[in-house]
PDB file of N, CA and C in Angstrom:
ATOM      1  N   MET A   1       0.754  -1.388   0.160  1.00  0.00           N
ATOM      2  CA  MET A   1       0.154  -0.087   0.030  1.00  0.00           C
ATOM      3  C   MET A   1       0.758   1.278  -0.042  1.00  0.00           C
ATOM      4  N   LYS A   2       0.587   2.054  -0.877  1.00  0.00           N
ATOM      5  CA  LYS A   2       1.433   3.264  -1.106  1.00  0.00           C
ATOM      6  C   LYS A   2       0.700   4.654  -0.422  1.00  0.00           C
ATOM      7  N   ILE A   3       1.404   5.300   0.440  1.00  0.00           N
ATOM      8  CA  ILE A   3       0.756   6.443   1.092  1.00  0.00           C
ATOM      9  C   ILE A   3       1.082   7.582   0.199  1.00  0.00           C
ATOM     10  N   LEU A   4       0.098   8.789   0.036  1.00  0.00           N
ATOM     11  CA  LEU A   4       0.289   9.631  -0.810  1.00  0.00           C
ATOM     12  C   LEU A   4       1.253  10.618  -0.133  1.00  0.00           C
ATOM     13  N   ASP A   5       2.478  10.995  -0.976  1.00  0.00           N
ATOM     14  CA  ASP A   5       3.325  11.809  -0.117  1.00  0.00           C
ATOM     15  C   ASP A   5       3.117  13.268  -0.316  1.00  0.00           C
ATOM     16  N   ASN A   6       2.526  13.610  -1.297  1.00  0.00           N
ATOM     17  CA  ASN A   6       2.399  15.178  -1.805  1.00  0.00           C
ATOM     18  C   ASN A   6       0.880  15.345  -1.446  1.00  0.00           C
ATOM     19  N   LEU A   7       0.613  15.985  -0.250  1.00  0.00           N
ATOM     20  CA  LEU A   7      -0.763  16.303   0.268  1.00  0.00           C
ATOM     21  C   LEU A   7      -1.156  17.625  -0.136  1.00  0.00           C
ATOM     22  N   THR A   8      -0.590  18.294  -1.135  1.00  0.00           N
ATOM     23  CA  THR A   8      -0.827  19.698  -1.564  1.00  0.00           C
ATOM     24  C   THR A   8      -1.283  19.559  -3.021  1.00  0.00           C
ATOM     25  N   THR A   9      -1.653  18.357  -3.470  1.00  0.00           N
ATOM     26  CA  THR A   9      -2.100  18.285  -4.773  1.00  0.00           C
ATOM     27  C   THR A   9      -3.384  18.490  -4.795  1.00  0.00           C
ATOM     28  N   PRO A  10      -3.834  19.496  -5.835  1.00  0.00           N
ATOM     29  CA  PRO A  10      -5.211  20.057  -5.913  1.00  0.00           C
ATOM     30  C   PRO A  10      -6.151  18.830  -6.177  1.00  0.00           C
ATOM     31  N   ILE A  11      -7.295  18.791  -5.575  1.00  0.00           N
ATOM     32  CA  ILE A  11      -8.368  17.840  -6.096  1.00  0.00           C
ATOM     33  C   ILE A  11      -8.971  18.079  -7.281  1.00  0.00           C
ATOM     34  N   LEU A  12      -9.323  19.543  -7.455  1.00  0.00           N
ATOM     35  CA  LEU A  12     -10.049  19.997  -8.621  1.00  0.00           C
ATOM     36  C   LEU A  12      -8.868  20.694  -9.596  1.00  0.00           C
ATOM     37  N   ASP A  13      -9.124  20.363 -10.784  1.00  0.00           N
ATOM     38  CA  ASP A  13      -8.183  20.908 -11.696  1.00  0.00           C
ATOM     39  C   ASP A  13      -8.576  22.489 -12.066  1.00  0.00           C
ATOM     40  N   SER A  14      -7.639  23.477 -11.630  1.00  0.00           N
ATOM     41  CA  SER A  14      -7.926  24.967 -11.926  1.00  0.00           C
ATOM     42  C   SER A  14      -8.369  25.367 -13.171  1.00  0.00           C
ATOM     43  N   LYS A  15      -8.058  24.512 -14.215  1.00  0.00           N
ATOM     44  CA  LYS A  15      -8.386  24.882 -15.592  1.00  0.00           C
ATOM     45  C   LYS A  15      -9.769  24.420 -16.056  1.00  0.00           C
ATOM     46  N   THR A  16     -10.446  23.905 -15.193  1.00  0.00           N
ATOM     47  CA  THR A  16     -11.916  23.386 -15.491  1.00  0.00           C
ATOM     48  C   THR A  16     -12.668  24.462 -15.445  1.00  0.00           C
ATOM     49  N   THR A  17     -13.516  24.785 -16.473  1.00  0.00           N
ATOM     50  CA  THR A  17     -14.535  25.770 -16.639  1.00  0.00           C
ATOM     51  C   THR A  17     -15.620  25.663 -15.769  1.00  0.00           C
ATOM     52  N   LYS A  18     -16.195  26.549 -15.195  1.00  0.00           N
ATOM     53  CA  LYS A  18     -17.501  26.470 -14.365  1.00  0.00           C
ATOM     54  C   LYS A  18     -18.512  26.351 -15.248  1.00  0.00           C
ATOM     55  N   ARG A  19     -19.480  25.640 -15.002  1.00  0.00           N
ATOM     56  CA  ARG A  19     -20.642  25.581 -15.725  1.00  0.00           C
ATOM     57  C   ARG A  19     -21.745  26.218 -15.101  1.00  0.00           C
ATOM     58  N   LYS A  20     -22.454  27.182 -15.799  1.00  0.00           N
ATOM     59  CA  LYS A  20     -23.584  28.141 -15.137  1.00  0.00           C
ATOM     60  C   LYS A  20     -24.919  27.085 -15.211  1.00  0.00           C
ATOM     61  N   TYR A  21     -25.609  27.362 -14.195  1.00  0.00           N
ATOM     62  CA  TYR A  21     -26.900  26.726 -14.208  1.00  0.00           C
ATOM     63  C   TYR A  21     -27.804  27.173 -15.121  1.00  0.00           C
ATOM     64  N   PRO A  22     -28.805  26.412 -15.736  1.00  0.00           N
ATOM     65  CA  PRO A  22     -29.580  26.874 -16.728  1.00  0.00           C
ATOM     66  C   PRO A  22     -30.468  27.773 -16.270  1.00  0.00           C
ATOM     67  N   GLU A  23     -30.694  28.944 -17.215  1.00  0.00           N
ATOM     68  CA  GLU A  23     -31.508  29.996 -16.854  1.00  0.00           C
ATOM     69  C   GLU A  23     -32.838  29.906 -17.699  1.00  0.00           C
ATOM     70  N   ALA A  24     -33.935  30.445 -17.426  1.00  0.00           N
ATOM     71  CA  ALA A  24     -35.118  30.291 -17.922  1.00  0.00           C
ATOM     72  C   ALA A  24     -36.033  31.571 -17.946  1.00  0.00           C
ATOM     73  N   ARG A  25     -36.880  31.776 -18.890  1.00  0.00           N
ATOM     74  CA  ARG A  25     -37.886  32.858 -18.834  1.00  0.00           C
ATOM     75  C   ARG A  25     -39.331  32.420 -18.465  1.00  0.00           C
ATOM     76  N   ILE A  26     -39.858  33.174 -17.725  1.00  0.00           N
ATOM     77  CA  ILE A  26     -41.432  32.721 -17.554  1.00  0.00           C
ATOM     78  C   ILE A  26     -42.317  33.878 -18.054  1.00  0.00           C
ATOM     79  N   ILE A  27     -43.111  33.453 -19.108  1.00  0.00           N
ATOM     80  CA  ILE A  27     -43.990  34.405 -19.957  1.00  0.00           C
ATOM     81  C   ILE A  27     -45.359  34.166 -19.628  1.00  0.00           C
ATOM     82  N   VAL A  28     -46.172  35.249 -19.280  1.00  0.00           N
ATOM     83  CA  VAL A  28     -47.523  35.266 -19.140  1.00  0.00           C
ATOM     84  C   VAL A  28     -48.134  35.578 -20.747  1.00  0.00           C
ATOM     85  N   LEU A  29     -49.167  34.812 -20.863  1.00  0.00           N
ATOM     86  CA  LEU A  29     -49.904  35.152 -22.250  1.00  0.00           C
ATOM     87  C   LEU A  29     -51.357  35.662 -21.974  1.00  0.00           C
ATOM     88  N   ASP A  30     -51.732  36.501 -22.858  1.00  0.00           N
ATOM     89  CA  ASP A  30     -52.961  37.082 -22.748  1.00  0.00           C
ATOM     90  C   ASP A  30     -54.075  36.146 -23.024  1.00  0.00           C
ATOM     91  N   ASP A  31     -55.371  36.303 -22.424  1.00  0.00           N
ATOM     92  CA  ASP A  31     -56.268  35.411 -22.419  1.00  0.00           C
ATOM     93  C   ASP A  31     -57.763  36.132 -22.437  1.00  0.00           C
ATOM     94  N   ASN A  32     -58.891  35.692 -22.652  1.00  0.00           N
ATOM     95  CA  ASN A  32     -59.873  36.456 -22.416  1.00  0.00           C
ATOM     96  C   ASN A  32     -60.805  36.314 -21.066  1.00  0.00           C
ATOM     97  N   PHE A  33     -60.118  35.689 -20.217  1.00  0.00           N
ATOM     98  CA  PHE A  33     -60.936  35.346 -18.833  1.00  0.00           C
ATOM     99  C   PHE A  33     -60.284  36.136 -17.674  1.00  0.00           C
ATOM    100  N   ASN A  34     -58.754  36.287 -17.645  1.00  0.00           N
ATOM    101  CA  ASN A  34     -58.209  36.698 -16.534  1.00  0.00           C
ATOM    102  C   ASN A  34     -58.267  38.273 -16.546  1.00  0.00           C
ATOM    103  N   THR A  35     -58.412  38.876 -15.490  1.00  0.00           N
ATOM    104  CA  THR A  35     -58.510  40.449 -15.243  1.00  0.00           C
ATOM    105  C   THR A  35     -57.091  41.027 -15.092  1.00  0.00           C
ATOM    106  N   PHE A  36     -56.974  42.366 -15.370  1.00  0.00           N
ATOM    107  CA  PHE A  36     -55.796  42.856 -15.071  1.00  0.00           C
ATOM    108  C   PHE A  36     -55.405  42.768 -13.672  1.00  0.00           C
ATOM    109  N   GLU A  37     -56.389  42.898 -12.750  1.00  0.00           N
ATOM    110  CA  GLU A  37     -56.202  42.909 -11.447  1.00  0.00           C
ATOM    111  C   GLU A  37     -55.688  41.664 -10.859  1.00  0.00           C
ATOM    112  N   HIS A  38     -56.555  40.535 -11.498  1.00  0.00           N
ATOM    113  CA  HIS A  38     -55.927  39.123 -11.051  1.00  0.00           C
ATOM    114  C   HIS A  38     -54.581  38.718 -11.491  1.00  0.00           C
ATOM    115  N   VAL A  39     -54.088  39.201 -12.718  1.00  0.00           N
ATOM    116  CA  VAL A  39     -52.665  38.919 -13.311  1.00  0.00           C
ATOM    117  C   VAL A  39     -51.824  39.735 -12.296  1.00  0.00           C
ATOM    118  N   ALA A  40     -52.041  40.967 -12.137  1.00  0.00           N
ATOM    119  CA  ALA A  40     -51.228  41.985 -11.264  1.00  0.00           C
ATOM    120  C   ALA A  40     -51.054  41.186  -9.917  1.00  0.00           C
ATOM    121  N   ASN A  41     -52.146  40.910  -9.222  1.00  0.00           N
ATOM    122  CA  ASN A  41     -52.150  40.310  -7.733  1.00  0.00           C
ATOM    123  C   ASN A  41     -51.374  39.051  -7.739  1.00  0.00           C
ATOM    124  N   CYS A  42     -51.579  38.072  -8.936  1.00  0.00           N
ATOM    125  CA  CYS A  42     -50.799  36.968  -8.814  1.00  0.00           C
ATOM    126  C   CYS A  42     -49.221  37.236  -8.988  1.00  0.00           C
ATOM    127  N   LEU A  43     -48.934  38.172  -9.781  1.00  0.00           N
ATOM    128  CA  LEU A  43     -47.389  38.299  -9.993  1.00  0.00           C
ATOM    129  C   LEU A  43     -46.887  38.987  -8.421  1.00  0.00           C
ATOM    130  N   VAL A  44     -47.545  39.827  -7.831  1.00  0.00           N
ATOM    131  CA  VAL A  44     -47.167  40.525  -6.661  1.00  0.00           C
ATOM    132  C   VAL A  44     -46.962  39.279  -5.650  1.00  0.00           C
ATOM    133  N   ILE A  45     -47.910  38.494  -5.515  1.00  0.00           N
ATOM    134  CA  ILE A  45     -47.837  37.279  -4.601  1.00  0.00           C
ATOM    135  C   ILE A  45     -46.712  36.307  -4.864  1.00  0.00           C
ATOM    136  N   ILE A  46     -46.659  35.970  -6.049  1.00  0.00           N
ATOM    137  CA  ILE A  46     -45.849  34.704  -6.441  1.00  0.00           C
ATOM    138  C   ILE A  46     -44.329  35.025  -6.834  1.00  0.00           C
ATOM    139  N   ILE A  47     -44.083  36.019  -7.598  1.00  0.00           N
ATOM    140  CA  ILE A  47     -42.740  36.531  -8.204  1.00  0.00           C
ATOM    141  C   ILE A  47     -42.101  37.296  -6.985  1.00  0.00           C
ATOM    142  N   PRO A  48     -40.867  37.108  -6.571  1.00  0.00           N
ATOM    143  CA  PRO A  48     -40.338  37.805  -5.539  1.00  0.00           C
ATOM    144  C   PRO A  48     -39.830  39.056  -6.140  1.00  0.00           C
ATOM    145  N   GLY A  49     -39.956  40.224  -5.466  1.00  0.00           N
ATOM    146  CA  GLY A  49     -39.241  41.560  -5.770  1.00  0.00           C
ATOM    147  C   GLY A  49     -40.126  42.307  -6.683  1.00  0.00           C
ATOM    148  N   ILE A  50     -41.329  41.931  -7.239  1.00  0.00           N
ATOM    149  CA  ILE A  50     -41.993  42.484  -8.127  1.00  0.00           C
ATOM    150  C   ILE A  50     -43.008  43.567  -7.217  1.00  0.00           C
ATOM    151  N   SER A  51     -42.798  44.891  -7.534  1.00  0.00           N
ATOM    152  CA  SER A  51     -43.610  45.870  -6.900  1.00  0.00           C
ATOM    153  C   SER A  51     -45.034  45.848  -7.494  1.00  0.00           C
ATOM    154  N   GLU A  52     -46.039  46.541  -6.777  1.00  0.00           N
ATOM    155  CA  GLU A  52     -47.425  46.501  -7.275  1.00  0.00           C
ATOM    156  C   GLU A  52     -47.601  47.188  -8.520  1.00  0.00           C
ATOM    157  N   LYS A  53     -46.759  48.261  -8.844  1.00  0.00           N
ATOM    158  CA  LYS A  53     -46.548  49.087  -9.907  1.00  0.00           C
ATOM    159  C   LYS A  53     -46.164  48.369 -11.137  1.00  0.00           C
ATOM    160  N   LYS A  54     -44.992  47.503 -10.824  1.00  0.00           N
ATOM    161  CA  LYS A  54     -44.260  46.767 -11.889  1.00  0.00           C
ATOM    162  C   LYS A  54     -45.427  45.731 -12.304  1.00  0.00           C
ATOM    163  N   SER A  55     -46.306  44.977 -11.406  1.00  0.00           N
ATOM    164  CA  SER A  55     -47.007  43.983 -11.744  1.00  0.00           C
ATOM    165  C   SER A  55     -48.288  44.574 -12.581  1.00  0.00           C
ATOM    166  N   TRP A  56     -48.731  45.776 -12.335  1.00  0.00           N
ATOM    167  CA  TRP A  56     -49.760  46.367 -13.129  1.00  0.00           C
ATOM    168  C   TRP A  56     -49.222  46.729 -14.564  1.00  0.00           C
ATOM    169  N   LEU A  57     -47.908  47.257 -14.772  1.00  0.00           N
ATOM    170  CA  LEU A  57     -47.314  47.524 -16.022  1.00  0.00           C
ATOM    171  C   LEU A  57     -47.166  46.097 -16.839  1.00  0.00           C
ATOM    172  N   LEU A  58     -46.626  44.993 -16.277  1.00  0.00           N
ATOM    173  CA  LEU A  58     -46.749  43.676 -16.743  1.00  0.00           C
ATOM    174  C   LEU A  58     -48.054  43.222 -17.209  1.00  0.00           C
ATOM    175  N   ALA A  59     -49.016  43.281 -16.428  1.00  0.00           N
ATOM    176  CA  ALA A  59     -50.548  43.001 -16.819  1.00  0.00           C
ATOM    177  C   ALA A  59     -50.965  43.781 -18.061  1.00  0.00           C
ATOM    178  N   LEU A  60     -50.661  44.939 -18.167  1.00  0.00           N
ATOM    179  CA  LEU A  60     -51.032  45.889 -19.280  1.00  0.00           C
ATOM    180  C   LEU A  60     -50.117  45.428 -20.408  1.00  0.00           C
ATOM    181  N   GLU A  61     -48.906  44.958 -20.398  1.00  0.00           N
ATOM    182  CA  GLU A  61     -48.243  44.591 -21.470  1.00  0.00           C
ATOM    183  C   GLU A  61     -48.765  43.366 -21.972  1.00  0.00           C
ATOM    184  N   VAL A  62     -49.109  42.309 -21.035  1.00  0.00           N
ATOM    185  CA  VAL A  62     -49.737  41.100 -21.561  1.00  0.00           C
ATOM    186  C   VAL A  62     -50.876  41.394 -22.411  1.00  0.00           C
ATOM    187  N   ASP A  63     -51.892  42.345 -22.028  1.00  0.00           N
ATOM    188  CA  ASP A  63     -52.984  42.744 -22.739  1.00  0.00           C
ATOM    189  C   ASP A  63     -52.515  43.481 -24.145  1.00  0.00           C
ATOM    190  N   ARG A  64     -51.691  44.327 -24.145  1.00  0.00           N
ATOM    191  CA  ARG A  64     -51.432  45.126 -25.368  1.00  0.00           C
ATOM    192  C   ARG A  64     -50.461  44.210 -26.300  1.00  0.00           C
ATOM    193  N   GLU A  65     -49.676  43.499 -25.815  1.00  0.00           N
ATOM    194  CA  GLU A  65     -48.688  42.739 -26.621  1.00  0.00           C
ATOM    195  C   GLU A  65     -48.794  41.488 -26.859  1.00  0.00           C
ATOM    196  N   GLY A  66     -50.058  40.806 -26.048  1.00  0.00           N
ATOM    197  CA  GLY A  66     -50.196  39.502 -26.284  1.00  0.00           C
ATOM    198  C   GLY A  66     -49.540  38.512 -25.226  1.00  0.00           C
ATOM    199  N   SER A  67     -48.406  38.988 -24.682  1.00  0.00           N
ATOM    200  CA  SER A  67     -47.402  38.198 -23.564  1.00  0.00           C
ATOM    201  C   SER A  67     -46.415  39.271 -23.067  1.00  0.00           C
ATOM    202  N   ALA A  68     -45.942  38.863 -21.870  1.00  0.00           N
ATOM    203  CA  ALA A  68     -44.911  39.504 -21.197  1.00  0.00           C
ATOM    204  C   ALA A  68     -44.031  38.630 -20.300  1.00  0.00           C
ATOM    205  N   GLU A  69     -42.733  38.798 -20.469  1.00  0.00           N
ATOM    206  CA  GLU A  69     -41.789  38.197 -19.733  1.00  0.00           C
ATOM    207  C   GLU A  69     -42.066  38.667 -18.168  1.00  0.00           C
ATOM    208  N   VAL A  70     -42.192  37.836 -17.293  1.00  0.00           N
ATOM    209  CA  VAL A  70     -42.388  38.407 -16.030  1.00  0.00           C
ATOM    210  C   VAL A  70     -41.246  38.003 -15.036  1.00  0.00           C
ATOM    211  N   TRP A  71     -40.354  37.172 -15.417  1.00  0.00           N
ATOM    212  CA  TRP A  71     -39.271  36.699 -14.543  1.00  0.00           C
ATOM    213  C   TRP A  71     -38.314  35.902 -15.404  1.00  0.00           C
ATOM    214  N   ARG A  72     -36.964  36.175 -14.919  1.00  0.00           N
ATOM    215  CA  ARG A  72     -35.900  35.424 -15.642  1.00  0.00           C
ATOM    216  C   ARG A  72     -35.008  35.187 -14.614  1.00  0.00           C
ATOM    217  N   GLY A  73     -34.697  33.800 -14.623  1.00  0.00           N
ATOM    218  CA  GLY A  73     -33.539  33.444 -13.501  1.00  0.00           C
ATOM    219  C   GLY A  73     -33.345  31.882 -13.649  1.00  0.00           C
ATOM    220  N   PRO A  74     -32.744  31.117 -12.447  1.00  0.00           N
ATOM    221  CA  PRO A  74     -32.455  29.800 -12.687  1.00  0.00           C
ATOM    222  C   PRO A  74     -33.542  28.951 -12.756  1.00  0.00           C
ATOM    223  N   PHE A  75     -33.523  27.890 -13.479  1.00  0.00           N
ATOM    224  CA  PHE A  75     -34.429  27.028 -14.221  1.00  0.00           C
ATOM    225  C   PHE A  75     -35.372  26.427 -13.223  1.00  0.00           C
ATOM    226  N   GLU A  76     -34.563  26.003 -12.016  1.00  0.00           N
ATOM    227  CA  GLU A  76     -35.476  25.241 -11.058  1.00  0.00           C
ATOM    228  C   GLU A  76     -36.682  26.247 -10.141  1.00  0.00           C
ATOM    229  N   GLN A  77     -36.241  27.336 -10.156  1.00  0.00           N
ATOM    230  CA  GLN A  77     -36.881  28.513  -9.566  1.00  0.00           C
ATOM    231  C   GLN A  77     -38.076  28.821 -10.583  1.00  0.00           C
ATOM    232  N   ALA A  78     -37.801  28.935 -11.763  1.00  0.00           N
ATOM    233  CA  ALA A  78     -38.641  29.309 -12.822  1.00  0.00           C
ATOM    234  C   ALA A  78     -39.761  27.893 -13.019  1.00  0.00           C
ATOM    235  N   GLU A  79     -39.457  26.918 -12.748  1.00  0.00           N
ATOM    236  CA  GLU A  79     -40.319  25.783 -12.716  1.00  0.00           C
ATOM    237  C   GLU A  79     -41.471  25.958 -11.518  1.00  0.00           C
ATOM    238  N   LEU A  80     -41.055  26.421 -10.327  1.00  0.00           N
ATOM    239  CA  LEU A  80     -41.783  26.698  -9.229  1.00  0.00           C
ATOM    240  C   LEU A  80     -42.792  27.821  -9.562  1.00  0.00           C
ATOM    241  N   TYR A  81     -42.156  28.943  -9.866  1.00  0.00           N
ATOM    242  CA  TYR A  81     -42.987  30.144 -10.110  1.00  0.00           C
ATOM    243  C   TYR A  81     -44.213  29.879 -11.351  1.00  0.00           C
ATOM    244  N   HIS A  82     -43.600  29.231 -12.399  1.00  0.00           N
ATOM    245  CA  HIS A  82     -44.513  28.838 -13.510  1.00  0.00           C
ATOM    246  C   HIS A  82     -45.801  27.883 -12.782  1.00  0.00           C
ATOM    247  N   GLN A  83     -45.356  27.128 -12.129  1.00  0.00           N
ATOM    248  CA  GLN A  83     -46.290  26.046 -11.667  1.00  0.00           C
ATOM    249  C   GLN A  83     -47.439  26.827 -10.699  1.00  0.00           C
ATOM    250  N   GLN A  84     -46.843  27.809  -9.982  1.00  0.00           N
ATOM    251  CA  GLN A  84     -47.704  28.390  -9.001  1.00  0.00           C
ATOM    252  C   GLN A  84     -48.542  29.431  -9.811  1.00  0.00           C
ATOM    253  N   LEU A  85     -48.244  30.067 -10.941  1.00  0.00           N
ATOM    254  CA  LEU A  85     -49.007  30.856 -11.948  1.00  0.00           C
ATOM    255  C   LEU A  85     -50.058  30.060 -12.548  1.00  0.00           C
ATOM    256  N   VAL A  86     -49.527  29.075 -13.050  1.00  0.00           N
ATOM    257  CA  VAL A  86     -50.516  28.158 -13.416  1.00  0.00           C
ATOM    258  C   VAL A  86     -51.901  27.705 -12.670  1.00  0.00           C
ATOM    259  N   SER A  87     -51.486  27.488 -11.437  1.00  0.00           N
ATOM    260  CA  SER A  87     -52.320  26.957 -10.446  1.00  0.00           C
ATOM    261  C   SER A  87     -53.372  28.097 -10.087  1.00  0.00           C
ATOM    262  N   LYS A  88     -52.993  29.403 -10.259  1.00  0.00           N
ATOM    263  CA  LYS A  88     -53.718  30.715 -10.065  1.00  0.00           C
ATOM    264  C   LYS A  88     -54.596  30.931 -11.333  1.00  0.00           C
ATOM    265  N   GLY A  89     -54.587  30.074 -12.290  1.00  0.00           N
ATOM    266  CA  GLY A  89     -55.411  30.281 -13.661  1.00  0.00           C
ATOM    267  C   GLY A  89     -54.732  31.022 -14.696  1.00  0.00           C
ATOM    268  N   LEU A  90     -53.459  31.642 -14.474  1.00  0.00           N
ATOM    269  CA  LEU A  90     -53.010  32.348 -15.466  1.00  0.00           C
ATOM    270  C   LEU A  90     -52.661  31.400 -16.753  1.00  0.00           C
ATOM    271  N   THR A  91     -52.716  32.110 -17.997  1.00  0.00           N
ATOM    272  CA  THR A  91     -52.345  31.358 -19.176  1.00  0.00           C
ATOM    273  C   THR A  91     -50.802  31.451 -19.352  1.00  0.00           C
ATOM    274  N   MET A  92     -50.001  30.554 -19.422  1.00  0.00           N
ATOM    275  CA  MET A  92     -48.579  30.617 -19.476  1.00  0.00           C
ATOM    276  C   MET A  92     -48.061  30.023 -20.711  1.00  0.00           C
ATOM    277  N   ALA A  93     -47.071  30.628 -21.082  1.00  0.00           N
ATOM    278  CA  ALA A  93     -46.238  29.919 -22.274  1.00  0.00           C
ATOM    279  C   ALA A  93     -45.369  28.841 -21.726  1.00  0.00           C
ATOM    280  N   PRO A  94     -44.921  27.910 -22.373  1.00  0.00           N
ATOM    281  CA  PRO A  94     -43.890  26.860 -21.828  1.00  0.00           C
ATOM    282  C   PRO A  94     -42.678  27.587 -21.394  1.00  0.00           C
ATOM    283  N   ILE A  95     -41.857  27.258 -20.253  1.00  0.00           N
ATOM    284  CA  ILE A  95     -40.840  27.633 -19.748  1.00  0.00           C
ATOM    285  C   ILE A  95     -39.603  27.623 -20.864  1.00  0.00           C
ATOM    286  N   GLU A  96     -39.329  28.769 -21.110  1.00  0.00           N
ATOM    287  CA  GLU A  96     -38.183  28.877 -21.924  1.00  0.00           C
ATOM    288  C   GLU A  96     -36.760  29.092 -21.531  1.00  0.00           C
ATOM    289  N   LYS A  97     -35.948  28.019 -21.868  1.00  0.00           N
ATOM    290  CA  LYS A  97     -34.639  28.098 -21.400  1.00  0.00           C
ATOM    291  C   LYS A  97     -33.659  28.976 -22.117  1.00  0.00           C
ATOM    292  N   THR A  98     -32.865  29.712 -21.555  1.00  0.00           N
ATOM    293  CA  THR A  98     -32.058  30.849 -22.291  1.00  0.00           C
ATOM    294  C   THR A  98     -30.763  30.311 -22.193  1.00  0.00           C
TER     295      THR A  98
END
């Protein structure tokens, strides 16, 4: 049995590139049954950091443009927020990986 004599050998190769976690976009789609108020309220409750004013601006964008990106970030969080918005009855685009 050989004992390792060089205890300062790095375990990880410093030349290895770091891999970023996949990111995703959450997009709310326009529909004929959710009100501005419902969309805005859902965004404030579910998406962290969205102010009431921003949620109303996004709700208006959904109505005018047909859709709005309401959040962008790590894929796992996107899955959670997407599922929660769907459970509130919002019409959602599939999660888009970026």
